[in-house]
């Protein structure tokens, strides 16, 4: 893999500088449980035709919509929503309620009945971006990845969770960018399940390339040094790893 390839995947230096500037963003990761392919389609159509246009009218973009890589009737739908502040995030329900265009486009989805449910349940996590990467970095438009990997790292205590974030900011993030893992966001969960935990997303142009990038990360001297540093010992107790693909509604 050449440096040019990494640059294409990870974005320009200007993108990297922008991601580290300003106030940290907030991210909602919303997960829809859908026990049928028809429901997955309904969730995608709702975001494509109603929700994303409404969120974009609020200035909230880009919104990511994904599902699990392997096709299954029980796949979940994952939605990534970036907000520049808690105030913006908190204002979303009222703005959606007042948006007549959204209400008309979303009426069938919002009013789904028990016998014709659009999904089973929604699980939501609110995160605040790491200081080491304060803004979401979407993949370049001319280099659309096939693979998106969402990881959740759980820690045994809040202090150990902050310790794991310091580990990321002390070199992990930089190495991930250098080897082409193309991180999209990093966030510490402030509300949600599996607390204390953090979540982040990387991407790759293909499963094969994505695997190579992880191998390069594992072999990187900086990562090996962090991994063996006693100050970061036992800061994780588990990981949830989901390999995703983009749905048609997605702006990422």
C-alpha atoms as a PDB file:
ATOM      1  CA  UNK A   1       0.000   0.000   0.000  1.00  0.00           C
ATOM      2  CA  UNK A   2       1.426   3.360  -1.013  1.00  0.00           C
ATOM      3  CA  UNK A   3       1.281   6.678   0.810  1.00  0.00           C
ATOM      4  CA  UNK A   4      -0.952   7.949  -1.977  1.00  0.00           C
ATOM      5  CA  UNK A   5      -3.407   5.161  -1.274  1.00  0.00           C
ATOM      6  CA  UNK A   6      -3.499   6.036   2.414  1.00  0.00           C
ATOM      7  CA  UNK A   7      -4.071   9.695   1.612  1.00  0.00           C
ATOM      8  CA  UNK A   8      -6.958   8.830  -0.689  1.00  0.00           C
ATOM      9  CA  UNK A   9      -8.604   6.721   1.976  1.00  0.00           C
ATOM     10  CA  UNK A  10      -7.963   8.900   4.987  1.00  0.00           C
ATOM     11  CA  UNK A  11      -8.657  12.294   3.410  1.00  0.00           C
ATOM     12  CA  UNK A  12      -6.538  15.402   3.001  1.00  0.00           C
ATOM     13  CA  UNK A  13      -4.338  17.065   5.652  1.00  0.00           C
ATOM     14  CA  UNK A  14      -6.923  19.861   5.720  1.00  0.00           C
ATOM     15  CA  UNK A  15      -9.582  17.325   6.721  1.00  0.00           C
ATOM     16  CA  UNK A  16      -7.353  16.122   9.556  1.00  0.00           C
ATOM     17  CA  UNK A  17      -6.735  19.663  10.819  1.00  0.00           C
ATOM     18  CA  UNK A  18     -10.449  20.458  10.742  1.00  0.00           C
ATOM     19  CA  UNK A  19     -11.229  17.280  12.684  1.00  0.00           C
ATOM     20  CA  UNK A  20      -8.961  18.421  15.533  1.00  0.00           C
ATOM     21  CA  UNK A  21     -10.178  22.040  15.671  1.00  0.00           C
ATOM     22  CA  UNK A  22     -13.034  23.741  17.508  1.00  0.00           C
ATOM     23  CA  UNK A  23     -15.411  22.234  20.040  1.00  0.00           C
ATOM     24  CA  UNK A  24     -15.986  18.460  20.183  1.00  0.00           C
ATOM     25  CA  UNK A  25     -19.050  17.245  18.332  1.00  0.00           C
ATOM     26  CA  UNK A  26     -21.723  15.029  19.832  1.00  0.00           C
ATOM     27  CA  UNK A  27     -22.839  11.845  18.091  1.00  0.00           C
ATOM     28  CA  UNK A  28     -25.987   9.817  18.434  1.00  0.00           C
ATOM     29  CA  UNK A  29     -25.608   6.191  17.391  1.00  0.00           C
ATOM     30  CA  UNK A  30     -29.115   4.834  16.928  1.00  0.00           C
ATOM     31  CA  UNK A  31     -29.684   1.103  16.415  1.00  0.00           C
ATOM     32  CA  UNK A  32     -32.966  -0.246  15.072  1.00  0.00           C
ATOM     33  CA  UNK A  33     -33.794  -3.905  15.714  1.00  0.00           C
ATOM     34  CA  UNK A  34     -35.514  -5.241  12.590  1.00  0.00           C
ATOM     35  CA  UNK A  35     -36.623  -8.894  12.444  1.00  0.00           C
ATOM     36  CA  UNK A  36     -37.506  -8.767   8.740  1.00  0.00           C
ATOM     37  CA  UNK A  37     -35.934  -7.445   5.560  1.00  0.00           C
ATOM     38  CA  UNK A  38     -39.075  -5.445   4.843  1.00  0.00           C
ATOM     39  CA  UNK A  39     -38.546  -3.544   8.096  1.00  0.00           C
ATOM     40  CA  UNK A  40     -34.931  -2.824   7.209  1.00  0.00           C
ATOM     41  CA  UNK A  41     -36.187  -1.325   3.972  1.00  0.00           C
ATOM     42  CA  UNK A  42     -38.758   0.779   5.812  1.00  0.00           C
ATOM     43  CA  UNK A  43     -36.141   2.188   8.163  1.00  0.00           C
ATOM     44  CA  UNK A  44     -33.861   3.007   5.216  1.00  0.00           C
ATOM     45  CA  UNK A  45     -36.721   4.645   3.313  1.00  0.00           C
ATOM     46  CA  UNK A  46     -37.715   6.716   6.357  1.00  0.00           C
ATOM     47  CA  UNK A  47     -34.213   8.113   6.729  1.00  0.00           C
ATOM     48  CA  UNK A  48     -33.746   8.635   2.996  1.00  0.00           C
ATOM     49  CA  UNK A  49     -37.094  10.279   2.264  1.00  0.00           C
ATOM     50  CA  UNK A  50     -38.033  12.016   5.529  1.00  0.00           C
ATOM     51  CA  UNK A  51     -35.478  12.143   8.327  1.00  0.00           C
ATOM     52  CA  UNK A  52     -32.235  12.973   6.514  1.00  0.00           C
ATOM     53  CA  UNK A  53     -33.770  15.839   4.498  1.00  0.00           C
ATOM     54  CA  UNK A  54     -35.207  17.241   7.754  1.00  0.00           C
ATOM     55  CA  UNK A  55     -31.923  16.868   9.631  1.00  0.00           C
ATOM     56  CA  UNK A  56     -30.091  18.500   6.732  1.00  0.00           C
ATOM     57  CA  UNK A  57     -32.518  21.446   6.892  1.00  0.00           C
ATOM     58  CA  UNK A  58     -31.369  21.877  10.512  1.00  0.00           C
ATOM     59  CA  UNK A  59     -27.755  21.936   9.335  1.00  0.00           C
ATOM     60  CA  UNK A  60     -27.053  18.433  10.655  1.00  0.00           C
ATOM     61  CA  UNK A  61     -24.965  16.492   8.139  1.00  0.00           C
ATOM     62  CA  UNK A  62     -23.668  14.052   7.051  1.00  0.00           C
ATOM     63  CA  UNK A  63     -25.919  11.338   8.481  1.00  0.00           C
ATOM     64  CA  UNK A  64     -24.718   7.760   8.153  1.00  0.00           C
ATOM     65  CA  UNK A  65     -27.086   4.813   7.703  1.00  0.00           C
ATOM     66  CA  UNK A  66     -25.666   1.286   7.780  1.00  0.00           C
ATOM     67  CA  UNK A  67     -26.574  -2.353   8.267  1.00  0.00           C
ATOM     68  CA  UNK A  68     -24.568  -5.474   8.988  1.00  0.00           C
ATOM     69  CA  UNK A  69     -22.280  -6.659   6.200  1.00  0.00           C
ATOM     70  CA  UNK A  70     -23.743 -10.159   5.896  1.00  0.00           C
ATOM     71  CA  UNK A  71     -27.310 -10.185   4.590  1.00  0.00           C
ATOM     72  CA  UNK A  72     -29.854 -11.436   7.147  1.00  0.00           C
ATOM     73  CA  UNK A  73     -33.530 -10.929   7.885  1.00  0.00           C
ATOM     74  CA  UNK A  74     -32.586 -10.036  11.465  1.00  0.00           C
ATOM     75  CA  UNK A  75     -29.972  -7.401  10.625  1.00  0.00           C
ATOM     76  CA  UNK A  76     -30.044  -4.179  12.602  1.00  0.00           C
ATOM     77  CA  UNK A  77     -29.912  -0.707  11.092  1.00  0.00           C
ATOM     78  CA  UNK A  78     -27.312   1.688  12.505  1.00  0.00           C
ATOM     79  CA  UNK A  79     -27.688   5.460  12.179  1.00  0.00           C
ATOM     80  CA  UNK A  80     -24.884   7.924  12.965  1.00  0.00           C
ATOM     81  CA  UNK A  81     -26.027  11.502  13.632  1.00  0.00           C
ATOM     82  CA  UNK A  82     -23.415  14.248  14.251  1.00  0.00           C
ATOM     83  CA  UNK A  83     -24.335  17.436  16.130  1.00  0.00           C
ATOM     84  CA  UNK A  84     -22.094  20.431  16.752  1.00  0.00           C
ATOM     85  CA  UNK A  85     -23.465  20.985  20.282  1.00  0.00           C
ATOM     86  CA  UNK A  86     -25.799  19.565  22.920  1.00  0.00           C
ATOM     87  CA  UNK A  87     -28.129  22.490  22.251  1.00  0.00           C
ATOM     88  CA  UNK A  88     -28.505  21.417  18.620  1.00  0.00           C
ATOM     89  CA  UNK A  89     -29.072  17.814  19.678  1.00  0.00           C
ATOM     90  CA  UNK A  90     -31.667  18.813  22.270  1.00  0.00           C
ATOM     91  CA  UNK A  91     -33.602  20.949  19.779  1.00  0.00           C
ATOM     92  CA  UNK A  92     -34.121  18.117  17.261  1.00  0.00           C
ATOM     93  CA  UNK A  93     -37.473  16.760  18.563  1.00  0.00           C
ATOM     94  CA  UNK A  94     -39.141  20.177  18.612  1.00  0.00           C
ATOM     95  CA  UNK A  95     -37.837  21.063  15.157  1.00  0.00           C
ATOM     96  CA  UNK A  96     -39.033  17.761  13.709  1.00  0.00           C
ATOM     97  CA  UNK A  97     -42.450  18.315  15.282  1.00  0.00           C
ATOM     98  CA  UNK A  98     -42.653  21.760  13.662  1.00  0.00           C
ATOM     99  CA  UNK A  99     -41.423  20.613  10.226  1.00  0.00           C
ATOM    100  CA  UNK A 100     -44.566  20.087   8.134  1.00  0.00           C
ATOM    101  CA  UNK A 101     -42.633  18.591   5.216  1.00  0.00           C
ATOM    102  CA  UNK A 102     -41.033  16.020   7.527  1.00  0.00           C
ATOM    103  CA  UNK A 103     -44.311  15.210   9.269  1.00  0.00           C
ATOM    104  CA  UNK A 104     -45.998  14.487   5.953  1.00  0.00           C
ATOM    105  CA  UNK A 105     -43.097  12.407   4.579  1.00  0.00           C
ATOM    106  CA  UNK A 106     -42.695  10.447   7.830  1.00  0.00           C
ATOM    107  CA  UNK A 107     -46.383   9.987   8.694  1.00  0.00           C
ATOM    108  CA  UNK A 108     -46.673   6.298   7.807  1.00  0.00           C
ATOM    109  CA  UNK A 109     -43.416   5.392   9.570  1.00  0.00           C
ATOM    110  CA  UNK A 110     -44.172   7.438  12.703  1.00  0.00           C
ATOM    111  CA  UNK A 111     -47.712   6.085  12.922  1.00  0.00           C
ATOM    112  CA  UNK A 112     -46.915   2.413  12.353  1.00  0.00           C
ATOM    113  CA  UNK A 113     -49.248   0.120  14.268  1.00  0.00           C
ATOM    114  CA  UNK A 114     -48.584  -2.890  16.466  1.00  0.00           C
ATOM    115  CA  UNK A 115     -49.584  -5.250  13.674  1.00  0.00           C
ATOM    116  CA  UNK A 116     -47.495  -3.410  11.067  1.00  0.00           C
ATOM    117  CA  UNK A 117     -44.490  -2.251  13.077  1.00  0.00           C
ATOM    118  CA  UNK A 118     -41.615  -0.538  11.248  1.00  0.00           C
ATOM    119  CA  UNK A 119     -39.066  -1.965  13.714  1.00  0.00           C
ATOM    120  CA  UNK A 120     -38.914  -3.804  17.046  1.00  0.00           C
ATOM    121  CA  UNK A 121     -36.990  -1.399  19.310  1.00  0.00           C
ATOM    122  CA  UNK A 122     -34.503   1.463  19.122  1.00  0.00           C
ATOM    123  CA  UNK A 123     -31.306   1.532  21.171  1.00  0.00           C
ATOM    124  CA  UNK A 124     -29.542   4.897  21.361  1.00  0.00           C
ATOM    125  CA  UNK A 125     -26.125   6.024  22.590  1.00  0.00           C
ATOM    126  CA  UNK A 126     -25.042   9.654  22.935  1.00  0.00           C
ATOM    127  CA  UNK A 127     -21.310  10.275  22.641  1.00  0.00           C
ATOM    128  CA  UNK A 128     -18.979  13.246  22.873  1.00  0.00           C
ATOM    129  CA  UNK A 129     -16.022  13.297  20.489  1.00  0.00           C
ATOM    130  CA  UNK A 130     -12.482  12.752  21.731  1.00  0.00           C
ATOM    131  CA  UNK A 131     -10.256  15.835  21.971  1.00  0.00           C
ATOM    132  CA  UNK A 132      -7.880  13.856  19.742  1.00  0.00           C
ATOM    133  CA  UNK A 133     -10.416  13.996  16.881  1.00  0.00           C
ATOM    134  CA  UNK A 134     -13.171  16.484  17.609  1.00  0.00           C
ATOM    135  CA  UNK A 135     -15.073  16.301  14.330  1.00  0.00           C
ATOM    136  CA  UNK A 136     -16.486  13.537  12.164  1.00  0.00           C
ATOM    137  CA  UNK A 137     -14.373  12.842   9.056  1.00  0.00           C
ATOM    138  CA  UNK A 138     -16.388  11.257   6.220  1.00  0.00           C
ATOM    139  CA  UNK A 139     -14.545   9.256   3.550  1.00  0.00           C
ATOM    140  CA  UNK A 140     -13.639  11.215   0.398  1.00  0.00           C
ATOM    141  CA  UNK A 141     -16.507  11.267  -2.097  1.00  0.00           C
ATOM    142  CA  UNK A 142     -14.341   9.716  -4.807  1.00  0.00           C
ATOM    143  CA  UNK A 143     -13.188   6.818  -2.602  1.00  0.00           C
ATOM    144  CA  UNK A 144     -16.326   5.141  -1.310  1.00  0.00           C
ATOM    145  CA  UNK A 145     -15.483   2.331   1.129  1.00  0.00           C
ATOM    146  CA  UNK A 146     -17.292  -0.993   1.142  1.00  0.00           C
ATOM    147  CA  UNK A 147     -16.534  -1.781   4.789  1.00  0.00           C
ATOM    148  CA  UNK A 148     -17.399   0.165   7.926  1.00  0.00           C
ATOM    149  CA  UNK A 149     -16.339  -1.222  11.286  1.00  0.00           C
ATOM    150  CA  UNK A 150     -18.034  -0.010  14.472  1.00  0.00           C
ATOM    151  CA  UNK A 151     -16.317  -0.918  17.718  1.00  0.00           C
ATOM    152  CA  UNK A 152     -17.451  -0.465  21.311  1.00  0.00           C
ATOM    153  CA  UNK A 153     -14.782  -0.763  24.014  1.00  0.00           C
ATOM    154  CA  UNK A 154     -16.069  -1.347  27.536  1.00  0.00           C
ATOM    155  CA  UNK A 155     -14.037  -0.469  30.621  1.00  0.00           C
ATOM    156  CA  UNK A 156     -14.253  -1.710  34.219  1.00  0.00           C
ATOM    157  CA  UNK A 157     -14.634   1.796  35.693  1.00  0.00           C
ATOM    158  CA  UNK A 158     -15.012   5.413  34.631  1.00  0.00           C
ATOM    159  CA  UNK A 159     -11.366   6.211  35.381  1.00  0.00           C
ATOM    160  CA  UNK A 160     -10.216   3.220  33.337  1.00  0.00           C
ATOM    161  CA  UNK A 161     -12.478   4.385  30.511  1.00  0.00           C
ATOM    162  CA  UNK A 162     -10.789   7.795  30.526  1.00  0.00           C
ATOM    163  CA  UNK A 163      -7.442   5.995  30.643  1.00  0.00           C
ATOM    164  CA  UNK A 164      -8.342   4.111  27.449  1.00  0.00           C
ATOM    165  CA  UNK A 165      -9.230   7.401  25.765  1.00  0.00           C
ATOM    166  CA  UNK A 166      -5.832   8.833  26.779  1.00  0.00           C
ATOM    167  CA  UNK A 167      -4.268   5.759  25.185  1.00  0.00           C
ATOM    168  CA  UNK A 168      -6.056   6.563  21.932  1.00  0.00           C
ATOM    169  CA  UNK A 169      -4.968  10.182  22.097  1.00  0.00           C
ATOM    170  CA  UNK A 170      -1.372   9.243  22.919  1.00  0.00           C
ATOM    171  CA  UNK A 171      -0.826   7.502  19.590  1.00  0.00           C
ATOM    172  CA  UNK A 172      -3.560   5.046  18.616  1.00  0.00           C
ATOM    173  CA  UNK A 173      -5.531   7.590  16.590  1.00  0.00           C
ATOM    174  CA  UNK A 174      -2.424   8.777  14.755  1.00  0.00           C
ATOM    175  CA  UNK A 175      -1.359   5.237  13.875  1.00  0.00           C
ATOM    176  CA  UNK A 176      -4.842   4.335  12.655  1.00  0.00           C
ATOM    177  CA  UNK A 177      -4.755   7.297  10.296  1.00  0.00           C
ATOM    178  CA  UNK A 178      -1.221   6.507   9.121  1.00  0.00           C
ATOM    179  CA  UNK A 179      -1.960   2.868   8.228  1.00  0.00           C
ATOM    180  CA  UNK A 180      -5.137   3.734   6.291  1.00  0.00           C
ATOM    181  CA  UNK A 181      -7.855   2.640   8.723  1.00  0.00           C
ATOM    182  CA  UNK A 182      -9.565   5.964   7.920  1.00  0.00           C
ATOM    183  CA  UNK A 183     -11.325   6.647  11.234  1.00  0.00           C
ATOM    184  CA  UNK A 184     -14.664   8.424  10.870  1.00  0.00           C
ATOM    185  CA  UNK A 185     -15.307   9.281  14.518  1.00  0.00           C
ATOM    186  CA  UNK A 186     -14.271   8.542  18.095  1.00  0.00           C
ATOM    187  CA  UNK A 187     -16.610   9.197  20.995  1.00  0.00           C
ATOM    188  CA  UNK A 188     -16.996   8.645  24.726  1.00  0.00           C
ATOM    189  CA  UNK A 189     -20.482   7.468  25.657  1.00  0.00           C
ATOM    190  CA  UNK A 190     -22.270   9.813  28.060  1.00  0.00           C
ATOM    191  CA  UNK A 191     -25.720   8.177  27.804  1.00  0.00           C
ATOM    192  CA  UNK A 192     -26.521   4.658  26.646  1.00  0.00           C
ATOM    193  CA  UNK A 193     -25.847   1.002  27.346  1.00  0.00           C
ATOM    194  CA  UNK A 194     -22.562  -0.781  28.192  1.00  0.00           C
ATOM    195  CA  UNK A 195     -21.298   2.202  30.218  1.00  0.00           C
ATOM    196  CA  UNK A 196     -18.546   3.116  30.759  1.00  0.00           C
ATOM    197  CA  UNK A 197     -17.544   2.694  27.151  1.00  0.00           C
ATOM    198  CA  UNK A 198     -16.323   4.398  24.008  1.00  0.00           C
ATOM    199  CA  UNK A 199     -17.246   3.872  20.370  1.00  0.00           C
ATOM    200  CA  UNK A 200     -15.447   4.523  17.119  1.00  0.00           C
ATOM    201  CA  UNK A 201     -15.769   3.744  13.423  1.00  0.00           C
ATOM    202  CA  UNK A 202     -13.137   2.950  10.796  1.00  0.00           C
ATOM    203  CA  UNK A 203     -13.606   2.079   7.135  1.00  0.00           C
ATOM    204  CA  UNK A 204     -11.927   0.385   4.178  1.00  0.00           C
ATOM    205  CA  UNK A 205     -12.386   0.202   0.438  1.00  0.00           C
ATOM    206  CA  UNK A 206     -12.710  -3.603   0.621  1.00  0.00           C
ATOM    207  CA  UNK A 207     -12.662  -6.358   3.268  1.00  0.00           C
ATOM    208  CA  UNK A 208      -9.184  -7.412   2.113  1.00  0.00           C
ATOM    209  CA  UNK A 209      -7.718  -3.902   2.327  1.00  0.00           C
ATOM    210  CA  UNK A 210      -9.387  -3.267   5.671  1.00  0.00           C
ATOM    211  CA  UNK A 211      -7.837  -6.434   7.078  1.00  0.00           C
ATOM    212  CA  UNK A 212      -4.400  -5.362   5.797  1.00  0.00           C
ATOM    213  CA  UNK A 213      -4.761  -1.990   7.491  1.00  0.00           C
ATOM    214  CA  UNK A 214      -5.545  -3.662  10.819  1.00  0.00           C
ATOM    215  CA  UNK A 215      -2.515  -5.914  10.388  1.00  0.00           C
ATOM    216  CA  UNK A 216      -0.359  -2.847   9.769  1.00  0.00           C
ATOM    217  CA  UNK A 217      -1.789  -1.235  12.898  1.00  0.00           C
ATOM    218  CA  UNK A 218      -1.046  -4.328  15.010  1.00  0.00           C
ATOM    219  CA  UNK A 219       2.564  -4.325  13.771  1.00  0.00           C
ATOM    220  CA  UNK A 220       3.158  -0.587  14.307  1.00  0.00           C
ATOM    221  CA  UNK A 221       5.896   0.171  16.880  1.00  0.00           C
ATOM    222  CA  UNK A 222       3.857   2.972  18.447  1.00  0.00           C
ATOM    223  CA  UNK A 223       0.909   0.647  19.058  1.00  0.00           C
ATOM    224  CA  UNK A 224       3.176  -2.069  20.467  1.00  0.00           C
ATOM    225  CA  UNK A 225       4.683   0.481  22.831  1.00  0.00           C
ATOM    226  CA  UNK A 226       1.281   1.658  24.033  1.00  0.00           C
ATOM    227  CA  UNK A 227       0.073  -1.917  24.427  1.00  0.00           C
ATOM    228  CA  UNK A 228       2.991  -2.803  26.696  1.00  0.00           C
ATOM    229  CA  UNK A 229       2.923   0.437  28.710  1.00  0.00           C
ATOM    230  CA  UNK A 230       1.881  -0.447  32.301  1.00  0.00           C
ATOM    231  CA  UNK A 231      -0.038   2.812  32.751  1.00  0.00           C
ATOM    232  CA  UNK A 232      -2.645   1.486  30.286  1.00  0.00           C
ATOM    233  CA  UNK A 233      -2.978  -1.961  31.832  1.00  0.00           C
ATOM    234  CA  UNK A 234      -6.481  -3.461  32.242  1.00  0.00           C
ATOM    235  CA  UNK A 235      -8.398  -0.476  30.880  1.00  0.00           C
ATOM    236  CA  UNK A 236     -10.793  -2.720  28.907  1.00  0.00           C
ATOM    237  CA  UNK A 237     -13.038  -5.622  29.874  1.00  0.00           C
ATOM    238  CA  UNK A 238     -14.665  -6.324  26.527  1.00  0.00           C
ATOM    239  CA  UNK A 239     -15.353  -5.277  22.962  1.00  0.00           C
ATOM    240  CA  UNK A 240     -18.342  -5.321  20.606  1.00  0.00           C
ATOM    241  CA  UNK A 241     -17.302  -5.375  16.939  1.00  0.00           C
ATOM    242  CA  UNK A 242     -19.765  -4.995  14.072  1.00  0.00           C
ATOM    243  CA  UNK A 243     -18.859  -4.993  10.372  1.00  0.00           C
ATOM    244  CA  UNK A 244     -21.254  -2.782   8.455  1.00  0.00           C
ATOM    245  CA  UNK A 245     -22.106  -1.698   4.925  1.00  0.00           C
ATOM    246  CA  UNK A 246     -23.680   1.487   3.703  1.00  0.00           C
ATOM    247  CA  UNK A 247     -27.423   1.586   3.041  1.00  0.00           C
ATOM    248  CA  UNK A 248     -28.778   3.670   0.142  1.00  0.00           C
ATOM    249  CA  UNK A 249     -29.992   6.399   2.519  1.00  0.00           C
ATOM    250  CA  UNK A 250     -26.500   7.057   3.897  1.00  0.00           C
ATOM    251  CA  UNK A 251     -24.610  10.303   3.372  1.00  0.00           C
ATOM    252  CA  UNK A 252     -21.369   8.732   4.666  1.00  0.00           C
END
